[in-house]
PDB file of all heavy atoms in Angstrom:
ATOM      1  N   HIS A   1       0.824  -1.208   0.000  1.00  0.00           N
ATOM      2  CA  HIS A   1       0.000   0.000   0.000  1.00  0.00           C
ATOM      3  C   HIS A   1       0.863   1.265   0.000  1.00  0.00           C
ATOM      4  O   HIS A   1       0.637   2.191   0.783  1.00  0.00           O
ATOM      5  CB  HIS A   1      -0.962  -0.013   1.188  1.00  0.00           C
ATOM      6  CG  HIS A   1      -2.034  -1.055   1.052  1.00  0.00           C
ATOM      7  ND1 HIS A   1      -3.299  -0.753   0.622  1.00  0.00           N
ATOM      8  CD2 HIS A   1      -2.018  -2.402   1.233  1.00  0.00           C
ATOM      9  CE1 HIS A   1      -4.025  -1.871   0.566  1.00  0.00           C
ATOM     10  NE2 HIS A   1      -3.256  -2.878   0.923  1.00  0.00           N
ATOM     11  N   SER A   2       1.835   1.282  -0.881  1.00  0.00           N
ATOM     12  CA  SER A   2       2.689   2.456  -1.029  1.00  0.00           C
ATOM     13  C   SER A   2       2.573   3.086  -2.412  1.00  0.00           C
ATOM     14  O   SER A   2       2.632   4.309  -2.538  1.00  0.00           O
ATOM     15  CB  SER A   2       4.153   2.100  -0.745  1.00  0.00           C
ATOM     16  OG  SER A   2       4.609   1.066  -1.595  1.00  0.00           O
ATOM     17  N   LEU A   3       2.380   2.285  -3.455  1.00  0.00           N
ATOM     18  CA  LEU A   3       2.358   2.832  -4.818  1.00  0.00           C
ATOM     19  C   LEU A   3       1.204   3.799  -5.041  1.00  0.00           C
ATOM     20  O   LEU A   3       1.335   4.770  -5.805  1.00  0.00           O
ATOM     21  CB  LEU A   3       2.282   1.701  -5.848  1.00  0.00           C
ATOM     22  CG  LEU A   3       3.518   0.816  -5.989  1.00  0.00           C
ATOM     23  CD1 LEU A   3       3.272  -0.266  -7.030  1.00  0.00           C
ATOM     24  CD2 LEU A   3       4.743   1.641  -6.366  1.00  0.00           C
ATOM     25  N   GLU A   4       0.067   3.561  -4.388  1.00  0.00           N
ATOM     26  CA  GLU A   4      -1.094   4.425  -4.606  1.00  0.00           C
ATOM     27  C   GLU A   4      -0.887   5.829  -4.046  1.00  0.00           C
ATOM     28  O   GLU A   4      -1.640   6.746  -4.382  1.00  0.00           O
ATOM     29  CB  GLU A   4      -2.357   3.801  -4.008  1.00  0.00           C
ATOM     30  CG  GLU A   4      -2.360   3.653  -2.509  1.00  0.00           C
ATOM     31  CD  GLU A   4      -1.801   2.322  -2.050  1.00  0.00           C
ATOM     32  OE1 GLU A   4      -1.110   1.648  -2.849  1.00  0.00           O
ATOM     33  OE2 GLU A   4      -2.044   1.944  -0.893  1.00  0.00           O
ATOM     34  N   HIS A   5       0.125   6.015  -3.209  1.00  0.00           N
ATOM     35  CA  HIS A   5       0.410   7.347  -2.669  1.00  0.00           C
ATOM     36  C   HIS A   5       1.215   8.201  -3.650  1.00  0.00           C
ATOM     37  O   HIS A   5       1.350   9.413  -3.450  1.00  0.00           O
ATOM     38  CB  HIS A   5       1.163   7.238  -1.347  1.00  0.00           C
ATOM     39  CG  HIS A   5       0.389   6.547  -0.271  1.00  0.00           C
ATOM     40  ND1 HIS A   5      -0.687   7.126   0.364  1.00  0.00           N
ATOM     41  CD2 HIS A   5       0.506   5.302   0.258  1.00  0.00           C
ATOM     42  CE1 HIS A   5      -1.188   6.281   1.258  1.00  0.00           C
ATOM     43  NE2 HIS A   5      -0.478   5.166   1.202  1.00  0.00           N
ATOM     44  N   LEU A   6       1.729   7.572  -4.688  1.00  0.00           N
ATOM     45  CA  LEU A   6       2.483   8.304  -5.702  1.00  0.00           C
ATOM     46  C   LEU A   6       1.530   8.909  -6.716  1.00  0.00           C
ATOM     47  O   LEU A   6       0.381   8.481  -6.852  1.00  0.00           O
ATOM     48  CB  LEU A   6       3.451   7.366  -6.424  1.00  0.00           C
ATOM     49  CG  LEU A   6       4.449   6.597  -5.551  1.00  0.00           C
ATOM     50  CD1 LEU A   6       5.251   5.642  -6.416  1.00  0.00           C
ATOM     51  CD2 LEU A   6       5.356   7.565  -4.804  1.00  0.00           C
ATOM     52  N   HIS A   7       2.011   9.911  -7.453  1.00  0.00           N
ATOM     53  CA  HIS A   7       1.264  10.387  -8.613  1.00  0.00           C
ATOM     54  C   HIS A   7       1.485   9.413  -9.765  1.00  0.00           C
ATOM     55  O   HIS A   7       2.485   8.672  -9.793  1.00  0.00           O
ATOM     56  CB  HIS A   7       1.726  11.790  -9.001  1.00  0.00           C
ATOM     57  CG  HIS A   7       1.341  12.840  -7.996  1.00  0.00           C
ATOM     58  ND1 HIS A   7       0.064  13.352  -7.930  1.00  0.00           N
ATOM     59  CD2 HIS A   7       2.059  13.450  -7.018  1.00  0.00           C
ATOM     60  CE1 HIS A   7       0.008  14.245  -6.953  1.00  0.00           C
ATOM     61  NE2 HIS A   7       1.198  14.321  -6.386  1.00  0.00           N
ATOM     62  N   THR A   8       0.555   9.397 -10.702  1.00  0.00           N
ATOM     63  CA  THR A   8       0.595   8.411 -11.776  1.00  0.00           C
ATOM     64  C   THR A   8       1.926   8.418 -12.518  1.00  0.00           C
ATOM     65  O   THR A   8       2.491   7.354 -12.824  1.00  0.00           O
ATOM     66  CB  THR A   8      -0.554   8.677 -12.763  1.00  0.00           C
ATOM     67  OG1 THR A   8      -1.806   8.588 -12.057  1.00  0.00           O
ATOM     68  CG2 THR A   8      -0.552   7.660 -13.891  1.00  0.00           C
ATOM     69  N   HIS A   9       2.472   9.607 -12.773  1.00  0.00           N
ATOM     70  CA  HIS A   9       3.723   9.675 -13.531  1.00  0.00           C
ATOM     71  C   HIS A   9       4.928   9.214 -12.708  1.00  0.00           C
ATOM     72  O   HIS A   9       5.997   8.952 -13.262  1.00  0.00           O
ATOM     73  CB  HIS A   9       3.968  11.101 -14.035  1.00  0.00           C
ATOM     74  CG  HIS A   9       4.297  12.086 -12.955  1.00  0.00           C
ATOM     75  ND1 HIS A   9       3.328  12.689 -12.178  1.00  0.00           N
ATOM     76  CD2 HIS A   9       5.496  12.555 -12.492  1.00  0.00           C
ATOM     77  CE1 HIS A   9       3.910  13.500 -11.299  1.00  0.00           C
ATOM     78  NE2 HIS A   9       5.221  13.436 -11.466  1.00  0.00           N
ATOM     79  N   GLU A  10       4.754   9.079 -11.384  1.00  0.00           N
ATOM     80  CA  GLU A  10       5.851   8.641 -10.520  1.00  0.00           C
ATOM     81  C   GLU A  10       5.916   7.123 -10.386  1.00  0.00           C
ATOM     82  O   GLU A  10       6.958   6.574  -9.988  1.00  0.00           O
ATOM     83  CB  GLU A  10       5.704   9.266  -9.137  1.00  0.00           C
ATOM     84  CG  GLU A  10       5.869  10.774  -9.112  1.00  0.00           C
ATOM     85  CD  GLU A  10       5.616  11.361  -7.751  1.00  0.00           C
ATOM     86  OE1 GLU A  10       4.664  10.905  -7.075  1.00  0.00           O
ATOM     87  OE2 GLU A  10       6.361  12.279  -7.354  1.00  0.00           O
ATOM     88  N   VAL A  11       4.825   6.438 -10.703  1.00  0.00           N
ATOM     89  CA  VAL A  11       4.789   4.983 -10.544  1.00  0.00           C
ATOM     90  C   VAL A  11       5.884   4.291 -11.357  1.00  0.00           C
ATOM     91  O   VAL A  11       6.607   3.433 -10.826  1.00  0.00           O
ATOM     92  CB  VAL A  11       3.396   4.429 -10.886  1.00  0.00           C
ATOM     93  CG1 VAL A  11       3.412   2.903 -10.925  1.00  0.00           C
ATOM     94  CG2 VAL A  11       2.368   4.911  -9.874  1.00  0.00           C
ATOM     95  N   PRO A  12       6.073   4.621 -12.655  1.00  0.00           N
ATOM     96  CA  PRO A  12       7.159   3.978 -13.406  1.00  0.00           C
ATOM     97  C   PRO A  12       8.531   4.227 -12.789  1.00  0.00           C
ATOM     98  O   PRO A  12       9.411   3.353 -12.863  1.00  0.00           O
ATOM     99  CB  PRO A  12       7.056   4.608 -14.797  1.00  0.00           C
ATOM    100  CG  PRO A  12       5.630   5.040 -14.909  1.00  0.00           C
ATOM    101  CD  PRO A  12       5.261   5.491 -13.529  1.00  0.00           C
ATOM    102  N   LEU A  13       8.729   5.380 -12.163  1.00  0.00           N
ATOM    103  CA  LEU A  13      10.006   5.675 -11.523  1.00  0.00           C
ATOM    104  C   LEU A  13      10.243   4.736 -10.336  1.00  0.00           C
ATOM    105  O   LEU A  13      11.348   4.216 -10.149  1.00  0.00           O
ATOM    106  CB  LEU A  13      10.045   7.129 -11.055  1.00  0.00           C
ATOM    107  CG  LEU A  13       9.857   8.204 -12.126  1.00  0.00           C
ATOM    108  CD1 LEU A  13       9.861   9.589 -11.489  1.00  0.00           C
ATOM    109  CD2 LEU A  13      10.951   8.104 -13.187  1.00  0.00           C
ATOM    110  N   ALA A  14       9.203   4.522  -9.536  1.00  0.00           N
ATOM    111  CA  ALA A  14       9.324   3.624  -8.385  1.00  0.00           C
ATOM    112  C   ALA A  14       9.569   2.191  -8.835  1.00  0.00           C
ATOM    113  O   ALA A  14      10.426   1.490  -8.276  1.00  0.00           O
ATOM    114  CB  ALA A  14       8.068   3.709  -7.526  1.00  0.00           C
ATOM    115  N   LEU A  15       8.838   1.744  -9.846  1.00  0.00           N
ATOM    116  CA  LEU A  15       9.009   0.365 -10.319  1.00  0.00           C
ATOM    117  C   LEU A  15      10.386   0.164 -10.933  1.00  0.00           C
ATOM    118  O   LEU A  15      10.991  -0.914 -10.789  1.00  0.00           O
ATOM    119  CB  LEU A  15       7.919   0.014 -11.327  1.00  0.00           C
ATOM    120  CG  LEU A  15       6.481   0.073 -10.794  1.00  0.00           C
ATOM    121  CD1 LEU A  15       5.499  -0.369 -11.860  1.00  0.00           C
ATOM    122  CD2 LEU A  15       6.326  -0.780  -9.535  1.00  0.00           C
ATOM    123  N   ALA A  16      10.903   1.193 -11.602  1.00  0.00           N
ATOM    124  CA  ALA A  16      12.263   1.120 -12.134  1.00  0.00           C
ATOM    125  C   ALA A  16      13.280   1.012 -10.997  1.00  0.00           C
ATOM    126  O   ALA A  16      14.290   0.296 -11.115  1.00  0.00           O
ATOM    127  CB  ALA A  16      12.563   2.338 -13.004  1.00  0.00           C
ATOM    128  N   GLU A  17      13.015   1.693  -9.887  1.00  0.00           N
ATOM    129  CA  GLU A  17      13.889   1.599  -8.727  1.00  0.00           C
ATOM    130  C   GLU A  17      13.824   0.199  -8.106  1.00  0.00           C
ATOM    131  O   GLU A  17      14.843  -0.358  -7.690  1.00  0.00           O
ATOM    132  CB  GLU A  17      13.514   2.646  -7.685  1.00  0.00           C
ATOM    133  CG  GLU A  17      14.030   4.029  -7.979  1.00  0.00           C
ATOM    134  CD  GLU A  17      15.543   4.090  -7.854  1.00  0.00           C
ATOM    135  OE1 GLU A  17      16.234   3.780  -8.856  1.00  0.00           O
ATOM    136  OE2 GLU A  17      16.057   4.415  -6.773  1.00  0.00           O
ATOM    137  N   PHE A  18      12.621  -0.380  -8.044  1.00  0.00           N
ATOM    138  CA  PHE A  18      12.496  -1.743  -7.525  1.00  0.00           C
ATOM    139  C   PHE A  18      13.370  -2.686  -8.350  1.00  0.00           C
ATOM    140  O   PHE A  18      14.106  -3.510  -7.800  1.00  0.00           O
ATOM    141  CB  PHE A  18      11.044  -2.215  -7.583  1.00  0.00           C
ATOM    142  CG  PHE A  18      10.103  -1.504  -6.645  1.00  0.00           C
ATOM    143  CD1 PHE A  18       8.755  -1.803  -6.643  1.00  0.00           C
ATOM    144  CD2 PHE A  18      10.554  -0.521  -5.776  1.00  0.00           C
ATOM    145  CE1 PHE A  18       7.873  -1.162  -5.789  1.00  0.00           C
ATOM    146  CE2 PHE A  18       9.681   0.141  -4.912  1.00  0.00           C
ATOM    147  CZ  PHE A  18       8.338  -0.189  -4.922  1.00  0.00           C
ATOM    148  N   ARG A  19      13.273  -2.557  -9.667  1.00  0.00           N
ATOM    149  CA  ARG A  19      14.045  -3.437 -10.553  1.00  0.00           C
ATOM    150  C   ARG A  19      15.543  -3.170 -10.404  1.00  0.00           C
ATOM    151  O   ARG A  19      16.348  -4.105 -10.416  1.00  0.00           O
ATOM    152  CB  ARG A  19      13.591  -3.234 -12.000  1.00  0.00           C
ATOM    153  CG  ARG A  19      14.321  -4.120 -12.994  1.00  0.00           C
ATOM    154  CD  ARG A  19      13.643  -4.128 -14.358  1.00  0.00           C
ATOM    155  NE  ARG A  19      14.477  -4.755 -15.363  1.00  0.00           N
ATOM    156  CZ  ARG A  19      14.668  -6.058 -15.505  1.00  0.00           C
ATOM    157  NH1 ARG A  19      14.050  -6.886 -14.681  1.00  0.00           N
ATOM    158  NH2 ARG A  19      15.448  -6.544 -16.443  1.00  0.00           N
ATOM    159  N   ARG A  20      15.919  -1.932 -10.231  1.00  0.00           N
ATOM    160  CA  ARG A  20      17.339  -1.590 -10.142  1.00  0.00           C
ATOM    161  C   ARG A  20      18.001  -2.203  -8.912  1.00  0.00           C
ATOM    162  O   ARG A  20      19.132  -2.702  -8.983  1.00  0.00           O
ATOM    163  CB  ARG A  20      17.514  -0.061 -10.101  1.00  0.00           C
ATOM    164  CG  ARG A  20      18.972   0.397 -10.016  1.00  0.00           C
ATOM    165  CD  ARG A  20      19.084   1.894  -9.850  1.00  0.00           C
ATOM    166  NE  ARG A  20      18.530   2.382  -8.581  1.00  0.00           N
ATOM    167  CZ  ARG A  20      19.175   2.308  -7.411  1.00  0.00           C
ATOM    168  NH1 ARG A  20      20.374   1.747  -7.331  1.00  0.00           N
ATOM    169  NH2 ARG A  20      18.607   2.777  -6.313  1.00  0.00           N
ATOM    170  N   VAL A  21      17.309  -2.162  -7.760  1.00  0.00           N
ATOM    171  CA  VAL A  21      17.941  -2.619  -6.522  1.00  0.00           C
ATOM    172  C   VAL A  21      17.909  -4.135  -6.362  1.00  0.00           C
ATOM    173  O   VAL A  21      18.614  -4.680  -5.507  1.00  0.00           O
ATOM    174  CB  VAL A  21      17.292  -1.959  -5.286  1.00  0.00           C
ATOM    175  CG1 VAL A  21      17.365  -0.445  -5.383  1.00  0.00           C
ATOM    176  CG2 VAL A  21      15.848  -2.429  -5.079  1.00  0.00           C
ATOM    177  N   LEU A  22      17.116  -4.825  -7.184  1.00  0.00           N
ATOM    178  CA  LEU A  22      16.989  -6.274  -7.043  1.00  0.00           C
ATOM    179  C   LEU A  22      18.158  -7.009  -7.686  1.00  0.00           C
ATOM    180  O   LEU A  22      18.677  -6.612  -8.729  1.00  0.00           O
ATOM    181  CB  LEU A  22      15.683  -6.755  -7.679  1.00  0.00           C
ATOM    182  CG  LEU A  22      14.414  -6.505  -6.873  1.00  0.00           C
ATOM    183  CD1 LEU A  22      13.180  -6.803  -7.723  1.00  0.00           C
ATOM    184  CD2 LEU A  22      14.403  -7.356  -5.602  1.00  0.00           C
ATOM    185  N   LYS A  23      18.530  -8.123  -7.064  1.00  0.00           N
ATOM    186  CA  LYS A  23      19.516  -9.014  -7.660  1.00  0.00           C
ATOM    187  C   LYS A  23      18.895  -9.694  -8.887  1.00  0.00           C
ATOM    188  O   LYS A  23      17.671  -9.730  -9.032  1.00  0.00           O
ATOM    189  CB  LYS A  23      19.956 -10.054  -6.637  1.00  0.00           C
ATOM    190  CG  LYS A  23      20.683  -9.469  -5.432  1.00  0.00           C
ATOM    191  CD  LYS A  23      21.049 -10.564  -4.444  1.00  0.00           C
ATOM    192  CE  LYS A  23      21.769  -9.995  -3.225  1.00  0.00           C
ATOM    193  NZ  LYS A  23      22.118 -11.039  -2.229  1.00  0.00           N
ATOM    194  N   PRO A  24      19.716 -10.263  -9.774  1.00  0.00           N
ATOM    195  CA  PRO A  24      19.180 -10.896 -10.988  1.00  0.00           C
ATOM    196  C   PRO A  24      18.179 -12.018 -10.719  1.00  0.00           C
ATOM    197  O   PRO A  24      17.347 -12.314 -11.578  1.00  0.00           O
ATOM    198  CB  PRO A  24      20.438 -11.434 -11.681  1.00  0.00           C
ATOM    199  CG  PRO A  24      21.532 -10.522 -11.222  1.00  0.00           C
ATOM    200  CD  PRO A  24      21.192 -10.194  -9.788  1.00  0.00           C
ATOM    201  N   ASP A  25      18.236 -12.643  -9.526  1.00  0.00           N
ATOM    202  CA  ASP A  25      17.279 -13.698  -9.197  1.00  0.00           C
ATOM    203  C   ASP A  25      16.261 -13.238  -8.153  1.00  0.00           C
ATOM    204  O   ASP A  25      15.598 -14.054  -7.515  1.00  0.00           O
ATOM    205  CB  ASP A  25      18.003 -14.945  -8.696  1.00  0.00           C
ATOM    206  CG  ASP A  25      18.828 -14.690  -7.430  1.00  0.00           C
ATOM    207  OD1 ASP A  25      19.017 -13.500  -7.077  1.00  0.00           O
ATOM    208  OD2 ASP A  25      19.282 -15.667  -6.808  1.00  0.00           O
ATOM    209  N   GLY A  26      16.122 -11.921  -7.994  1.00  0.00           N
ATOM    210  CA  GLY A  26      15.221 -11.377  -6.990  1.00  0.00           C
ATOM    211  C   GLY A  26      13.799 -11.203  -7.487  1.00  0.00           C
ATOM    212  O   GLY A  26      13.455 -11.532  -8.634  1.00  0.00           O
TER     213      GLY A  26
END
C-alpha cells in the first residue's frame, strides 16, 4: 500500500527503482 500514494507519472520511476535494486534472481 505504497504505490497508490504516488502520482501516476511517478509509478514507473518507483518500479524502475524496484528493478534496479533487485539481484538478478530477486
